[in-house]
Amino acid sequence: MSLQEFDSLIDRMKLAFEYADNLGQYAAAAKVLYQMNEQLPDDLQLSLDDLENPESAKSFVMRYQSEIKLAISEYRQRLMNF
């Protein structure tokens, strides 16, 4: 995947995440984080906990949001170097 393709995909996912997060729909936001994680290469993917109930979705989002952003930045750096 090229940097441009990755950026386009991740930008759409970020918008979906922010929309769900801002509306307090944390279960939907968590699903987007899972999808973002799946777009990363295996060595950068996070080992995400299972989201067992919607009540824990907010803490899940708060826990993994910054980690996924960091992994996305690392992958972008790789793509820029190719």
C-alpha atoms as a PDB file:
ATOM      1  CA  MET A   1       0.000   0.000   0.000  1.00  0.00           C
ATOM      2  CA  SER A   2       1.330   3.419  -0.880  1.00  0.00           C
ATOM      3  CA  LEU A   3       1.594   6.270   1.600  1.00  0.00           C
ATOM      4  CA  GLN A   4      -1.174   8.141  -0.212  1.00  0.00           C
ATOM      5  CA  GLU A   5      -3.524   5.134  -0.095  1.00  0.00           C
ATOM      6  CA  PHE A   6      -2.770   4.540   3.575  1.00  0.00           C
ATOM      7  CA  ASP A   7      -3.302   8.204   4.467  1.00  0.00           C
ATOM      8  CA  SER A   8      -6.612   8.293   2.615  1.00  0.00           C
ATOM      9  CA  LEU A   9      -7.872   5.175   4.372  1.00  0.00           C
ATOM     10  CA  ILE A  10      -6.689   6.244   7.814  1.00  0.00           C
ATOM     11  CA  ASP A  11      -8.093   9.761   7.362  1.00  0.00           C
ATOM     12  CA  ARG A  12     -11.549   8.308   6.708  1.00  0.00           C
ATOM     13  CA  MET A  13     -11.209   6.040   9.726  1.00  0.00           C
ATOM     14  CA  LYS A  14     -10.044   8.934  11.921  1.00  0.00           C
ATOM     15  CA  LEU A  15     -13.126  10.927  10.926  1.00  0.00           C
ATOM     16  CA  ALA A  16     -15.382   7.995  11.773  1.00  0.00           C
ATOM     17  CA  PHE A  17     -13.599   7.520  15.087  1.00  0.00           C
ATOM     18  CA  GLU A  18     -13.810  11.201  16.041  1.00  0.00           C
ATOM     19  CA  TYR A  19     -17.489  11.349  15.084  1.00  0.00           C
ATOM     20  CA  ALA A  20     -18.359   8.326  17.227  1.00  0.00           C
ATOM     21  CA  ASP A  21     -16.142   9.485  20.094  1.00  0.00           C
ATOM     22  CA  ASN A  22     -17.614  12.989  20.106  1.00  0.00           C
ATOM     23  CA  LEU A  23     -21.134  11.575  20.208  1.00  0.00           C
ATOM     24  CA  GLY A  24     -20.217   9.315  23.120  1.00  0.00           C
ATOM     25  CA  GLN A  25     -20.702   6.195  21.015  1.00  0.00           C
ATOM     26  CA  TYR A  26     -17.699   4.440  22.459  1.00  0.00           C
ATOM     27  CA  ALA A  27     -18.575   0.962  21.206  1.00  0.00           C
ATOM     28  CA  ALA A  28     -18.575   2.309  17.634  1.00  0.00           C
ATOM     29  CA  ALA A  29     -15.345   4.211  18.289  1.00  0.00           C
ATOM     30  CA  ALA A  30     -13.749   1.011  19.617  1.00  0.00           C
ATOM     31  CA  LYS A  31     -14.729  -0.841  16.430  1.00  0.00           C
ATOM     32  CA  VAL A  32     -12.972   1.815  14.368  1.00  0.00           C
ATOM     33  CA  LEU A  33      -9.832   1.418  16.500  1.00  0.00           C
ATOM     34  CA  TYR A  34      -9.910  -2.330  15.774  1.00  0.00           C
ATOM     35  CA  GLN A  35     -10.193  -1.563  12.044  1.00  0.00           C
ATOM     36  CA  MET A  36      -7.340   0.929  12.164  1.00  0.00           C
ATOM     37  CA  ASN A  37      -5.175  -1.614  13.956  1.00  0.00           C
ATOM     38  CA  GLU A  38      -5.911  -4.192  11.246  1.00  0.00           C
ATOM     39  CA  GLN A  39      -4.495  -1.837   8.589  1.00  0.00           C
ATOM     40  CA  LEU A  40      -1.077  -1.859  10.238  1.00  0.00           C
ATOM     41  CA  PRO A  41       1.597  -4.444   9.429  1.00  0.00           C
ATOM     42  CA  ASP A  42       1.740  -7.385  11.821  1.00  0.00           C
ATOM     43  CA  ASP A  43       4.802  -6.115  13.662  1.00  0.00           C
ATOM     44  CA  LEU A  44       3.068  -2.811  14.521  1.00  0.00           C
ATOM     45  CA  GLN A  45      -0.371  -4.160  15.350  1.00  0.00           C
ATOM     46  CA  LEU A  46      -1.368  -3.813  18.968  1.00  0.00           C
ATOM     47  CA  SER A  47      -2.605  -6.741  20.945  1.00  0.00           C
ATOM     48  CA  LEU A  48      -6.012  -5.281  21.753  1.00  0.00           C
ATOM     49  CA  ASP A  49      -8.168  -6.646  24.526  1.00  0.00           C
ATOM     50  CA  ASP A  50     -11.556  -7.987  23.551  1.00  0.00           C
ATOM     51  CA  LEU A  51     -14.365  -5.553  24.093  1.00  0.00           C
ATOM     52  CA  GLU A  52     -16.722  -7.728  26.049  1.00  0.00           C
ATOM     53  CA  ASN A  53     -19.400  -5.206  26.941  1.00  0.00           C
ATOM     54  CA  PRO A  54     -20.411  -1.726  25.820  1.00  0.00           C
ATOM     55  CA  GLU A  55     -19.902  -0.316  29.321  1.00  0.00           C
ATOM     56  CA  SER A  56     -16.161  -0.877  29.058  1.00  0.00           C
ATOM     57  CA  ALA A  57     -15.928   0.740  25.615  1.00  0.00           C
ATOM     58  CA  LYS A  58     -15.048   4.205  26.925  1.00  0.00           C
ATOM     59  CA  SER A  59     -12.073   2.943  28.931  1.00  0.00           C
ATOM     60  CA  PHE A  60     -11.032   0.795  25.954  1.00  0.00           C
ATOM     61  CA  VAL A  61     -11.035   3.848  23.676  1.00  0.00           C
ATOM     62  CA  MET A  62      -9.134   5.957  26.175  1.00  0.00           C
ATOM     63  CA  ARG A  63      -6.571   3.203  26.678  1.00  0.00           C
ATOM     64  CA  TYR A  64      -5.780   2.438  23.040  1.00  0.00           C
ATOM     65  CA  GLN A  65      -6.414   5.671  21.145  1.00  0.00           C
ATOM     66  CA  SER A  66      -2.942   7.161  21.616  1.00  0.00           C
ATOM     67  CA  GLU A  67      -1.183   3.826  21.118  1.00  0.00           C
ATOM     68  CA  ILE A  68      -2.852   3.327  17.729  1.00  0.00           C
ATOM     69  CA  LYS A  69      -2.012   6.883  16.690  1.00  0.00           C
ATOM     70  CA  LEU A  70       1.634   6.225  17.543  1.00  0.00           C
ATOM     71  CA  ALA A  71       1.670   2.962  15.554  1.00  0.00           C
ATOM     72  CA  ILE A  72       0.078   4.746  12.584  1.00  0.00           C
ATOM     73  CA  SER A  73       2.786   7.415  12.727  1.00  0.00           C
ATOM     74  CA  GLU A  74       5.497   4.760  12.793  1.00  0.00           C
ATOM     75  CA  TYR A  75       4.014   3.012   9.773  1.00  0.00           C
ATOM     76  CA  ARG A  76       3.714   6.316   7.885  1.00  0.00           C
ATOM     77  CA  GLN A  77       7.427   6.885   8.537  1.00  0.00           C
ATOM     78  CA  ARG A  78       8.202   3.494   7.032  1.00  0.00           C
ATOM     79  CA  LEU A  79       6.127   4.215   3.964  1.00  0.00           C
ATOM     80  CA  MET A  80       7.796   7.611   3.494  1.00  0.00           C
ATOM     81  CA  ASN A  81      11.218   5.950   3.526  1.00  0.00           C
ATOM     82  CA  PHE A  82      10.354   3.561   0.697  1.00  0.00           C
END
